């Protein structure tokens, strides 16, 4: 299991009814994220093994999760 899955995050998934959106990362350590490029830039401030706080939106709900960073694939 990856760090995101361990933190309870959900990615995009395909169901018989079609594509279901996953969680949307809104901020890393309180700093806004407006797309994949900004997310990667924010994560560059940390090292593998660091724990970061993410603000994520799932549907209409926003919540905070903590993720321990792992090396990329």
N, C-alpha and C. Protein backbone atom coordinates (compact mmCIF):
# COMPACT_ATOMS: atom_id res chain seq x y z
N UNK A 1 0.83 -1.19 0.00
CA UNK A 1 0.00 0.00 0.00
C UNK A 1 0.87 1.24 0.00
N UNK A 2 0.46 2.23 -0.78
CA UNK A 2 1.18 3.49 -0.83
C UNK A 2 0.77 4.41 0.31
N UNK A 3 1.53 5.49 0.46
CA UNK A 3 1.27 6.45 1.54
C UNK A 3 -0.11 7.08 1.42
N UNK A 4 -0.51 7.43 0.19
CA UNK A 4 -1.82 8.05 0.00
C UNK A 4 -2.94 7.10 0.41
N UNK A 5 -2.82 5.85 0.01
CA UNK A 5 -3.84 4.86 0.38
C UNK A 5 -3.87 4.66 1.89
N UNK A 6 -2.69 4.60 2.52
CA UNK A 6 -2.62 4.44 3.98
C UNK A 6 -3.27 5.61 4.70
N UNK A 7 -3.19 6.81 4.10
CA UNK A 7 -3.80 7.99 4.70
C UNK A 7 -5.30 8.06 4.44
N UNK A 8 -5.81 7.12 3.64
CA UNK A 8 -7.24 7.08 3.36
C UNK A 8 -7.66 7.87 2.14
N UNK A 9 -6.69 8.33 1.34
CA UNK A 9 -7.03 9.08 0.13
C UNK A 9 -7.55 8.14 -0.95
N UNK A 10 -8.43 8.65 -1.78
CA UNK A 10 -9.00 7.87 -2.88
C UNK A 10 -8.65 8.53 -4.20
N UNK A 11 -8.18 7.71 -5.14
CA UNK A 11 -7.89 8.20 -6.48
C UNK A 11 -9.10 8.03 -7.38
N UNK A 12 -8.96 8.48 -8.61
CA UNK A 12 -10.01 8.29 -9.61
C UNK A 12 -10.18 6.80 -9.83
N UNK A 13 -11.43 6.36 -10.01
CA UNK A 13 -11.67 4.92 -10.24
C UNK A 13 -12.77 4.74 -11.27
N UNK A 14 -12.70 3.62 -11.93
CA UNK A 14 -13.70 3.27 -12.94
C UNK A 14 -14.69 2.30 -12.31
N UNK A 15 -15.97 2.58 -12.50
CA UNK A 15 -17.02 1.70 -12.02
C UNK A 15 -17.90 1.34 -13.22
N UNK A 16 -18.81 0.39 -13.07
CA UNK A 16 -19.71 0.08 -14.17
C UNK A 16 -20.54 1.30 -14.63
N UNK A 17 -20.72 2.26 -13.70
CA UNK A 17 -21.49 3.47 -14.03
C UNK A 17 -20.62 4.53 -14.70
N UNK A 18 -19.31 4.35 -14.71
CA UNK A 18 -18.41 5.31 -15.33
C UNK A 18 -17.30 5.74 -14.40
N UNK A 19 -16.61 6.80 -14.77
CA UNK A 19 -15.48 7.33 -14.03
C UNK A 19 -15.96 8.06 -12.79
N UNK A 20 -15.36 7.75 -11.64
CA UNK A 20 -15.71 8.40 -10.37
C UNK A 20 -14.50 9.22 -9.92
N UNK A 21 -14.66 10.54 -9.74
CA UNK A 21 -13.53 11.37 -9.32
C UNK A 21 -13.02 10.95 -7.95
N UNK A 22 -11.75 11.14 -7.73
CA UNK A 22 -11.15 10.87 -6.43
C UNK A 22 -11.01 12.14 -5.62
N UNK A 23 -10.19 12.06 -4.58
CA UNK A 23 -9.93 13.21 -3.73
C UNK A 23 -9.14 14.26 -4.51
N UNK A 24 -9.37 15.52 -4.18
CA UNK A 24 -8.66 16.63 -4.80
C UNK A 24 -7.81 17.28 -3.71
N UNK A 25 -6.50 17.36 -3.93
CA UNK A 25 -5.60 17.99 -2.96
C UNK A 25 -5.70 19.50 -3.16
N UNK A 26 -6.07 20.20 -2.08
CA UNK A 26 -6.26 21.64 -2.12
C UNK A 26 -5.06 22.41 -1.59
N UNK A 27 -4.33 21.81 -0.62
CA UNK A 27 -3.20 22.51 0.00
C UNK A 27 -2.24 21.51 0.61
N UNK A 28 -0.96 21.91 0.68
CA UNK A 28 0.09 21.15 1.36
C UNK A 28 0.62 22.05 2.47
N UNK A 29 0.50 21.60 3.71
CA UNK A 29 0.93 22.39 4.86
C UNK A 29 0.34 23.80 4.82
N UNK A 30 -0.92 23.90 4.41
CA UNK A 30 -1.63 25.17 4.39
C UNK A 30 -1.36 26.04 3.18
N UNK A 31 -0.45 25.60 2.29
CA UNK A 31 -0.13 26.38 1.09
C UNK A 31 -0.97 25.86 -0.07
N UNK A 32 -1.73 26.73 -0.75
CA UNK A 32 -2.65 26.29 -1.79
C UNK A 32 -1.98 25.54 -2.95
N UNK A 33 -2.74 24.62 -3.50
CA UNK A 33 -2.33 23.83 -4.67
C UNK A 33 -3.43 24.01 -5.71
N UNK A 34 -3.05 24.44 -6.93
CA UNK A 34 -4.06 24.67 -7.96
C UNK A 34 -3.87 23.77 -9.18
N UNK A 35 -3.05 22.76 -9.04
CA UNK A 35 -2.84 21.83 -10.15
C UNK A 35 -1.65 20.93 -9.87
N UNK A 36 -1.41 19.96 -10.74
CA UNK A 36 -0.32 19.00 -10.53
C UNK A 36 1.06 19.65 -10.43
N UNK A 37 1.32 20.66 -11.24
CA UNK A 37 2.62 21.33 -11.19
C UNK A 37 2.88 21.98 -9.85
N UNK A 38 1.87 22.67 -9.34
CA UNK A 38 2.00 23.34 -8.03
C UNK A 38 2.14 22.30 -6.91
N UNK A 39 1.41 21.19 -7.01
CA UNK A 39 1.53 20.12 -6.01
C UNK A 39 2.96 19.61 -5.97
N UNK A 40 3.53 19.30 -7.12
CA UNK A 40 4.90 18.79 -7.16
C UNK A 40 5.89 19.82 -6.62
N UNK A 41 5.67 21.10 -6.95
CA UNK A 41 6.54 22.16 -6.44
C UNK A 41 6.47 22.24 -4.92
N UNK A 42 5.27 22.14 -4.37
CA UNK A 42 5.12 22.17 -2.91
C UNK A 42 5.82 20.97 -2.26
N UNK A 43 5.67 19.81 -2.86
CA UNK A 43 6.26 18.59 -2.28
C UNK A 43 7.79 18.60 -2.39
N UNK A 44 8.33 19.37 -3.34
CA UNK A 44 9.79 19.49 -3.46
C UNK A 44 10.43 20.12 -2.23
N UNK A 45 9.63 20.79 -1.40
CA UNK A 45 10.15 21.41 -0.18
C UNK A 45 10.41 20.39 0.92
N UNK A 46 10.05 19.13 0.69
CA UNK A 46 10.15 18.09 1.71
C UNK A 46 11.02 16.95 1.20
N UNK A 47 11.37 16.06 2.13
CA UNK A 47 12.19 14.90 1.80
C UNK A 47 11.38 13.62 2.01
N UNK A 48 11.84 12.55 1.36
CA UNK A 48 11.25 11.23 1.58
C UNK A 48 11.32 10.94 3.08
N UNK A 49 10.21 10.48 3.63
CA UNK A 49 10.13 10.18 5.06
C UNK A 49 9.48 11.29 5.87
N UNK A 50 9.48 12.53 5.33
CA UNK A 50 8.80 13.63 6.03
C UNK A 50 7.30 13.36 6.05
N UNK A 51 6.64 13.88 7.06
CA UNK A 51 5.19 13.80 7.16
C UNK A 51 4.62 15.17 6.82
N UNK A 52 3.65 15.19 5.91
CA UNK A 52 3.03 16.45 5.50
C UNK A 52 1.53 16.40 5.72
N UNK A 53 0.96 17.57 5.97
CA UNK A 53 -0.49 17.70 6.17
C UNK A 53 -1.09 18.19 4.85
N UNK A 54 -2.08 17.46 4.36
CA UNK A 54 -2.78 17.82 3.13
C UNK A 54 -4.21 18.21 3.45
N UNK A 55 -4.70 19.23 2.78
CA UNK A 55 -6.13 19.54 2.79
C UNK A 55 -6.70 18.94 1.52
N UNK A 56 -7.71 18.10 1.66
CA UNK A 56 -8.29 17.43 0.49
C UNK A 56 -9.80 17.58 0.48
N UNK A 57 -10.34 17.59 -0.74
CA UNK A 57 -11.79 17.64 -0.91
C UNK A 57 -12.24 16.33 -1.51
N UNK A 58 -13.26 15.75 -0.89
CA UNK A 58 -13.92 14.55 -1.40
C UNK A 58 -15.39 14.88 -1.50
N UNK A 59 -15.87 15.02 -2.73
CA UNK A 59 -17.25 15.44 -2.92
C UNK A 59 -17.43 16.84 -2.38
N UNK A 60 -18.33 17.00 -1.44
CA UNK A 60 -18.61 18.31 -0.85
C UNK A 60 -17.84 18.55 0.45
N UNK A 61 -17.11 17.54 0.93
CA UNK A 61 -16.43 17.63 2.22
C UNK A 61 -14.95 17.94 2.04
N UNK A 62 -14.41 18.78 2.93
CA UNK A 62 -12.97 19.05 2.98
C UNK A 62 -12.45 18.52 4.30
N UNK A 63 -11.27 17.88 4.24
CA UNK A 63 -10.69 17.34 5.45
C UNK A 63 -9.18 17.42 5.39
N UNK A 64 -8.55 17.24 6.54
CA UNK A 64 -7.10 17.24 6.65
C UNK A 64 -6.62 15.80 6.83
N UNK A 65 -5.55 15.45 6.13
CA UNK A 65 -4.93 14.13 6.30
C UNK A 65 -3.43 14.32 6.41
N UNK A 66 -2.77 13.39 7.06
CA UNK A 66 -1.33 13.41 7.20
C UNK A 66 -0.76 12.25 6.41
N UNK A 67 0.27 12.54 5.61
CA UNK A 67 0.87 11.53 4.72
C UNK A 67 2.39 11.53 4.94
N UNK A 68 2.96 10.34 5.10
CA UNK A 68 4.42 10.20 5.14
C UNK A 68 4.90 10.03 3.71
N UNK A 69 5.78 10.89 3.26
CA UNK A 69 6.23 10.88 1.87
C UNK A 69 7.12 9.66 1.59
N UNK A 70 6.89 9.06 0.44
CA UNK A 70 7.65 7.90 -0.01
C UNK A 70 8.33 8.24 -1.32
N UNK A 71 9.37 7.50 -1.70
CA UNK A 71 10.02 7.78 -2.98
C UNK A 71 9.06 7.55 -4.14
N UNK A 72 9.22 8.35 -5.20
CA UNK A 72 8.40 8.19 -6.41
C UNK A 72 8.76 6.93 -7.15
N UNK A 73 7.86 6.51 -8.01
CA UNK A 73 8.07 5.29 -8.77
C UNK A 73 8.77 5.63 -10.07
